């Protein structure tokens, strides 16, 4: 008579979901080993965001002047 629970672990078939889980775990581990984004990247994102905000403000002011 075979017990319902055994110590033998059967591996599930490697399907699309399992592959995505493995990829996500690998990406997470690689990101943790890398240590996040560098200060140069953070500075670039900040400068880019400020430039975008300035361009939007300038465009909205120019549009308001044209309406007058």
PDB file of N, CA and C in Angstrom:
ATOM      1  N   UNK A   1       0.849  -1.173   0.000  1.00  0.00           N
ATOM      2  CA  UNK A   1       0.000   0.000   0.000  1.00  0.00           C
ATOM      3  C   UNK A   1       0.900   1.243   0.000  1.00  0.00           C
ATOM      4  N   UNK A   2       0.633   2.178  -0.910  1.00  0.00           N
ATOM      5  CA  UNK A   2       1.441   3.385  -1.056  1.00  0.00           C
ATOM      6  C   UNK A   2       0.797   4.529  -0.280  1.00  0.00           C
ATOM      7  N   UNK A   3       1.629   5.270   0.439  1.00  0.00           N
ATOM      8  CA  UNK A   3       1.115   6.400   1.211  1.00  0.00           C
ATOM      9  C   UNK A   3       0.772   7.548   0.270  1.00  0.00           C
ATOM     10  N   UNK A   4      -0.145   8.374   0.708  1.00  0.00           N
ATOM     11  CA  UNK A   4      -0.540   9.512  -0.115  1.00  0.00           C
ATOM     12  C   UNK A   4       0.579  10.543  -0.201  1.00  0.00           C
ATOM     13  N   UNK A   5       1.245  10.792   0.897  1.00  0.00           N
ATOM     14  CA  UNK A   5       2.322  11.775   0.897  1.00  0.00           C
ATOM     15  C   UNK A   5       3.652  11.036   0.970  1.00  0.00           C
ATOM     16  N   UNK A   6       4.509  11.345   0.042  1.00  0.00           N
ATOM     17  CA  UNK A   6       5.814  10.716   0.026  1.00  0.00           C
ATOM     18  C   UNK A   6       6.892  11.778   0.063  1.00  0.00           C
ATOM     19  N   UNK A   7       8.103  11.342   0.282  1.00  0.00           N
ATOM     20  CA  UNK A   7       9.230  12.264   0.284  1.00  0.00           C
ATOM     21  C   UNK A   7       9.740  12.526  -1.120  1.00  0.00           C
ATOM     22  N   UNK A   8       9.240  11.791  -2.065  1.00  0.00           N
ATOM     23  CA  UNK A   8       9.666  11.984  -3.450  1.00  0.00           C
ATOM     24  C   UNK A   8       8.996  13.236  -4.004  1.00  0.00           C
ATOM     25  N   UNK A   9       9.801  14.129  -4.539  1.00  0.00           N
ATOM     26  CA  UNK A   9       9.258  15.360  -5.108  1.00  0.00           C
ATOM     27  C   UNK A   9       9.255  15.226  -6.625  1.00  0.00           C
ATOM     28  N   UNK A  10       8.096  15.306  -7.180  1.00  0.00           N
ATOM     29  CA  UNK A  10       7.988  15.283  -8.629  1.00  0.00           C
ATOM     30  C   UNK A  10       8.057  16.721  -9.125  1.00  0.00           C
ATOM     31  N   UNK A  11       8.895  16.974 -10.104  1.00  0.00           N
ATOM     32  CA  UNK A  11       8.988  18.324 -10.650  1.00  0.00           C
ATOM     33  C   UNK A  11       7.857  18.533 -11.638  1.00  0.00           C
ATOM     34  N   UNK A  12       7.221  19.684 -11.559  1.00  0.00           N
ATOM     35  CA  UNK A  12       6.132  19.959 -12.503  1.00  0.00           C
ATOM     36  C   UNK A  12       6.704  20.127 -13.913  1.00  0.00           C
ATOM     37  N   UNK A  13       5.893  19.909 -14.904  1.00  0.00           N
ATOM     38  CA  UNK A  13       6.388  20.086 -16.279  1.00  0.00           C
ATOM     39  C   UNK A  13       6.780  21.539 -16.529  1.00  0.00           C
ATOM     40  N   UNK A  14       7.781  21.745 -17.347  1.00  0.00           N
ATOM     41  CA  UNK A  14       8.274  23.091 -17.640  1.00  0.00           C
ATOM     42  C   UNK A  14       7.362  23.717 -18.691  1.00  0.00           C
ATOM     43  N   UNK A  15       6.411  24.505 -18.231  1.00  0.00           N
ATOM     44  CA  UNK A  15       5.494  25.150 -19.157  1.00  0.00           C
ATOM     45  C   UNK A  15       5.777  26.648 -19.215  1.00  0.00           C
ATOM     46  N   UNK A  16       4.965  27.386 -19.906  1.00  0.00           N
ATOM     47  CA  UNK A  16       5.158  28.828 -20.101  1.00  0.00           C
ATOM     48  C   UNK A  16       5.198  29.577 -18.762  1.00  0.00           C
ATOM     49  N   UNK A  17       4.315  29.240 -17.860  1.00  0.00           N
ATOM     50  CA  UNK A  17       4.253  29.914 -16.570  1.00  0.00           C
ATOM     51  C   UNK A  17       5.517  29.669 -15.763  1.00  0.00           C
ATOM     52  N   UNK A  18       5.974  28.436 -15.737  1.00  0.00           N
ATOM     53  CA  UNK A  18       7.181  28.111 -14.980  1.00  0.00           C
ATOM     54  C   UNK A  18       8.401  28.828 -15.564  1.00  0.00           C
ATOM     55  N   UNK A  19       8.466  28.927 -16.878  1.00  0.00           N
ATOM     56  CA  UNK A  19       9.588  29.631 -17.507  1.00  0.00           C
ATOM     57  C   UNK A  19       9.578  31.106 -17.135  1.00  0.00           C
ATOM     58  N   UNK A  20       8.391  31.723 -17.114  1.00  0.00           N
ATOM     59  CA  UNK A  20       8.288  33.140 -16.743  1.00  0.00           C
ATOM     60  C   UNK A  20       8.676  33.355 -15.287  1.00  0.00           C
ATOM     61  N   UNK A  21       8.279  32.441 -14.417  1.00  0.00           N
ATOM     62  CA  UNK A  21       8.647  32.546 -13.003  1.00  0.00           C
ATOM     63  C   UNK A  21      10.159  32.459 -12.857  1.00  0.00           C
ATOM     64  N   UNK A  22      10.772  31.530 -13.569  1.00  0.00           N
ATOM     65  CA  UNK A  22      12.233  31.384 -13.515  1.00  0.00           C
ATOM     66  C   UNK A  22      12.922  32.637 -14.039  1.00  0.00           C
ATOM     67  N   UNK A  23      12.408  33.209 -15.119  1.00  0.00           N
ATOM     68  CA  UNK A  23      12.990  34.436 -15.668  1.00  0.00           C
ATOM     69  C   UNK A  23      12.868  35.589 -14.678  1.00  0.00           C
ATOM     70  N   UNK A  24      11.706  35.717 -14.046  1.00  0.00           N
ATOM     71  CA  UNK A  24      11.486  36.797 -13.083  1.00  0.00           C
ATOM     72  C   UNK A  24      12.429  36.655 -11.886  1.00  0.00           C
ATOM     73  N   UNK A  25      12.613  35.425 -11.410  1.00  0.00           N
ATOM     74  CA  UNK A  25      13.523  35.208 -10.293  1.00  0.00           C
ATOM     75  C   UNK A  25      14.956  35.551 -10.688  1.00  0.00           C
ATOM     76  N   UNK A  26      15.349  35.190 -11.897  1.00  0.00           N
ATOM     77  CA  UNK A  26      16.699  35.494 -12.371  1.00  0.00           C
ATOM     78  C   UNK A  26      16.908  37.000 -12.496  1.00  0.00           C
ATOM     79  N   UNK A  27      15.897  37.722 -13.019  1.00  0.00           N
ATOM     80  CA  UNK A  27      16.007  39.179 -13.135  1.00  0.00           C
ATOM     81  C   UNK A  27      16.104  39.832 -11.763  1.00  0.00           C
ATOM     82  N   UNK A  28      15.298  39.352 -10.819  1.00  0.00           N
ATOM     83  CA  UNK A  28      15.311  39.906  -9.467  1.00  0.00           C
ATOM     84  C   UNK A  28      16.667  39.677  -8.817  1.00  0.00           C
ATOM     85  N   UNK A  29      17.205  38.478  -8.968  1.00  0.00           N
ATOM     86  CA  UNK A  29      18.501  38.177  -8.377  1.00  0.00           C
ATOM     87  C   UNK A  29      19.597  39.028  -9.014  1.00  0.00           C
ATOM     88  N   UNK A  30      19.547  39.208 -10.322  1.00  0.00           N
ATOM     89  CA  UNK A  30      20.552  40.027 -11.004  1.00  0.00           C
ATOM     90  C   UNK A  30      20.471  41.481 -10.544  1.00  0.00           C
ATOM     91  N   UNK A  31      19.258  41.980 -10.345  1.00  0.00           N
ATOM     92  CA  UNK A  31      19.087  43.359  -9.889  1.00  0.00           C
ATOM     93  C   UNK A  31      19.606  43.532  -8.462  1.00  0.00           C
ATOM     94  N   UNK A  32      19.378  42.536  -7.625  1.00  0.00           N
ATOM     95  CA  UNK A  32      19.862  42.615  -6.249  1.00  0.00           C
ATOM     96  C   UNK A  32      21.385  42.577  -6.204  1.00  0.00           C
ATOM     97  N   UNK A  33      21.996  41.775  -7.065  1.00  0.00           N
ATOM     98  CA  UNK A  33      23.454  41.689  -7.109  1.00  0.00           C
ATOM     99  C   UNK A  33      24.066  42.978  -7.637  1.00  0.00           C
ATOM    100  N   UNK A  34      23.377  43.618  -8.564  1.00  0.00           N
ATOM    101  CA  UNK A  34      23.890  44.849  -9.161  1.00  0.00           C
ATOM    102  C   UNK A  34      23.837  46.001  -8.164  1.00  0.00           C
ATOM    103  N   UNK A  35      22.833  46.033  -7.318  1.00  0.00           N
ATOM    104  CA  UNK A  35      22.749  47.075  -6.296  1.00  0.00           C
ATOM    105  C   UNK A  35      21.890  48.258  -6.691  1.00  0.00           C
ATOM    106  N   UNK A  36      20.988  48.110  -7.597  1.00  0.00           N
ATOM    107  CA  UNK A  36      20.094  49.204  -7.974  1.00  0.00           C
ATOM    108  C   UNK A  36      20.710  50.099  -9.040  1.00  0.00           C
ATOM    109  N   UNK A  37      20.087  51.244  -9.275  1.00  0.00           N
ATOM    110  CA  UNK A  37      20.596  52.155 -10.301  1.00  0.00           C
ATOM    111  C   UNK A  37      21.711  53.008  -9.725  1.00  0.00           C
ATOM    112  N   UNK A  38      22.597  53.432 -10.571  1.00  0.00           N
ATOM    113  CA  UNK A  38      23.709  54.266 -10.148  1.00  0.00           C
ATOM    114  C   UNK A  38      23.310  55.721 -10.015  1.00  0.00           C
ATOM    115  N   UNK A  39      24.194  56.512  -9.420  1.00  0.00           N
ATOM    116  CA  UNK A  39      23.881  57.913  -9.211  1.00  0.00           C
ATOM    117  C   UNK A  39      23.820  58.671 -10.525  1.00  0.00           C
ATOM    118  N   UNK A  40      24.591  58.239 -11.520  1.00  0.00           N
ATOM    119  CA  UNK A  40      24.567  58.915 -12.820  1.00  0.00           C
ATOM    120  C   UNK A  40      23.217  58.711 -13.501  1.00  0.00           C
ATOM    121  N   UNK A  41      22.697  57.515 -13.387  1.00  0.00           N
ATOM    122  CA  UNK A  41      21.386  57.224 -13.972  1.00  0.00           C
ATOM    123  C   UNK A  41      20.302  58.038 -13.269  1.00  0.00           C
ATOM    124  N   UNK A  42      20.382  58.082 -11.945  1.00  0.00           N
ATOM    125  CA  UNK A  42      19.394  58.843 -11.171  1.00  0.00           C
ATOM    126  C   UNK A  42      19.460  60.330 -11.525  1.00  0.00           C
ATOM    127  N   UNK A  43      20.678  60.843 -11.687  1.00  0.00           N
ATOM    128  CA  UNK A  43      20.832  62.253 -12.051  1.00  0.00           C
ATOM    129  C   UNK A  43      20.260  62.511 -13.441  1.00  0.00           C
ATOM    130  N   UNK A  44      20.507  61.603 -14.358  1.00  0.00           N
ATOM    131  CA  UNK A  44      19.974  61.750 -15.713  1.00  0.00           C
ATOM    132  C   UNK A  44      18.456  61.738 -15.739  1.00  0.00           C
ATOM    133  N   UNK A  45      17.871  60.867 -14.943  1.00  0.00           N
ATOM    134  CA  UNK A  45      16.403  60.814 -14.869  1.00  0.00           C
ATOM    135  C   UNK A  45      15.867  62.113 -14.288  1.00  0.00           C
ATOM    136  N   UNK A  46      16.517  62.627 -13.260  1.00  0.00           N
ATOM    137  CA  UNK A  46      16.069  63.882 -12.635  1.00  0.00           C
ATOM    138  C   UNK A  46      16.165  65.061 -13.581  1.00  0.00           C
ATOM    139  N   UNK A  47      17.287  65.159 -14.301  1.00  0.00           N
ATOM    140  CA  UNK A  47      17.470  66.257 -15.256  1.00  0.00           C
ATOM    141  C   UNK A  47      16.461  66.146 -16.396  1.00  0.00           C
ATOM    142  N   UNK A  48      16.242  64.940 -16.879  1.00  0.00           N
ATOM    143  CA  UNK A  48      15.271  64.737 -17.948  1.00  0.00           C
ATOM    144  C   UNK A  48      13.865  65.109 -17.520  1.00  0.00           C
ATOM    145  N   UNK A  49      13.513  64.760 -16.294  1.00  0.00           N
ATOM    146  CA  UNK A  49      12.187  65.097 -15.782  1.00  0.00           C
ATOM    147  C   UNK A  49      12.020  66.609 -15.656  1.00  0.00           C
ATOM    148  N   UNK A  50      13.065  67.277 -15.183  1.00  0.00           N
ATOM    149  CA  UNK A  50      12.999  68.739 -15.042  1.00  0.00           C
ATOM    150  C   UNK A  50      12.875  69.411 -16.405  1.00  0.00           C
ATOM    151  N   UNK A  51      13.601  68.904 -17.391  1.00  0.00           N
ATOM    152  CA  UNK A  51      13.518  69.477 -18.738  1.00  0.00           C
ATOM    153  C   UNK A  51      12.125  69.289 -19.328  1.00  0.00           C
ATOM    154  N   UNK A  52      11.555  68.124 -19.111  1.00  0.00           N
ATOM    155  CA  UNK A  52      10.203  67.857 -19.611  1.00  0.00           C
ATOM    156  C   UNK A  52       9.188  68.777 -18.942  1.00  0.00           C
ATOM    157  N   UNK A  53       9.302  68.957 -17.631  1.00  0.00           N
ATOM    158  CA  UNK A  53       8.382  69.837 -16.919  1.00  0.00           C
ATOM    159  C   UNK A  53       8.520  71.276 -17.420  1.00  0.00           C
ATOM    160  N   UNK A  54       9.757  71.728 -17.635  1.00  0.00           N
ATOM    161  CA  UNK A  54       9.977  73.088 -18.134  1.00  0.00           C
ATOM    162  C   UNK A  54       9.370  73.272 -19.518  1.00  0.00           C
ATOM    163  N   UNK A  55       9.525  72.279 -20.383  1.00  0.00           N
ATOM    164  CA  UNK A  55       8.967  72.367 -21.731  1.00  0.00           C
ATOM    165  C   UNK A  55       7.438  72.434 -21.683  1.00  0.00           C
ATOM    166  N   UNK A  56       6.826  71.660 -20.802  1.00  0.00           N
ATOM    167  CA  UNK A  56       5.364  71.696 -20.688  1.00  0.00           C
ATOM    168  C   UNK A  56       4.871  73.040 -20.158  1.00  0.00           C
ATOM    169  N   UNK A  57       5.577  73.592 -19.180  1.00  0.00           N
ATOM    170  CA  UNK A  57       5.185  74.907 -18.647  1.00  0.00           C
ATOM    171  C   UNK A  57       5.325  75.973 -19.727  1.00  0.00           C
ATOM    172  N   UNK A  58       6.433  75.948 -20.463  1.00  0.00           N
ATOM    173  CA  UNK A  58       6.664  76.922 -21.531  1.00  0.00           C
ATOM    174  C   UNK A  58       5.579  76.821 -22.599  1.00  0.00           C
ATOM    175  N   UNK A  59       5.232  75.591 -22.977  1.00  0.00           N
ATOM    176  CA  UNK A  59       4.208  75.395 -24.004  1.00  0.00           C
ATOM    177  C   UNK A  59       2.853  75.900 -23.533  1.00  0.00           C
ATOM    178  N   UNK A  60       2.522  75.683 -22.269  1.00  0.00           N
ATOM    179  CA  UNK A  60       1.205  76.135 -21.789  1.00  0.00           C
ATOM    180  C   UNK A  60       1.164  77.658 -21.690  1.00  0.00           C
ATOM    181  N   UNK A  61       2.280  78.296 -21.324  1.00  0.00           N
ATOM    182  CA  UNK A  61       2.312  79.759 -21.280  1.00  0.00           C
ATOM    183  C   UNK A  61       2.200  80.347 -22.686  1.00  0.00           C
ATOM    184  N   UNK A  62       2.870  79.741 -23.644  1.00  0.00           N
ATOM    185  CA  UNK A  62       2.794  80.221 -25.019  1.00  0.00           C
ATOM    186  C   UNK A  62       1.384  80.091 -25.567  1.00  0.00           C
ATOM    187  N   UNK A  63       0.703  79.045 -25.211  1.00  0.00           N
ATOM    188  CA  UNK A  63      -0.661  78.833 -25.686  1.00  0.00           C
ATOM    189  C   UNK A  63      -1.602  79.859 -25.061  1.00  0.00           C
ATOM    190  N   UNK A  64      -1.390  80.206 -23.783  1.00  0.00           N
ATOM    191  CA  UNK A  64      -2.246  81.196 -23.125  1.00  0.00           C
ATOM    192  C   UNK A  64      -2.063  82.565 -23.750  1.00  0.00           C
ATOM    193  N   UNK A  65      -0.823  82.930 -24.148  1.00  0.00           N
ATOM    194  CA  UNK A  65      -0.578  84.221 -24.790  1.00  0.00           C
ATOM    195  C   UNK A  65      -1.290  84.308 -26.132  1.00  0.00           C
ATOM    196  N   UNK A  66      -1.308  83.197 -26.876  1.00  0.00           N
ATOM    197  CA  UNK A  66      -1.963  83.181 -28.189  1.00  0.00           C
ATOM    198  C   UNK A  66      -3.466  83.340 -28.054  1.00  0.00           C
ATOM    199  N   UNK A  67      -4.037  82.903 -26.958  1.00  0.00           N
ATOM    200  CA  UNK A  67      -5.479  83.002 -26.754  1.00  0.00           C
ATOM    201  C   UNK A  67      -5.920  84.433 -26.458  1.00  0.00           C
ATOM    202  N   UNK A  68      -5.016  85.260 -25.945  1.00  0.00           N
ATOM    203  CA  UNK A  68      -5.375  86.636 -25.584  1.00  0.00           C
ATOM    204  C   UNK A  68      -5.578  87.502 -26.763  1.00  0.00           C
TER     205      UNK A  68
END
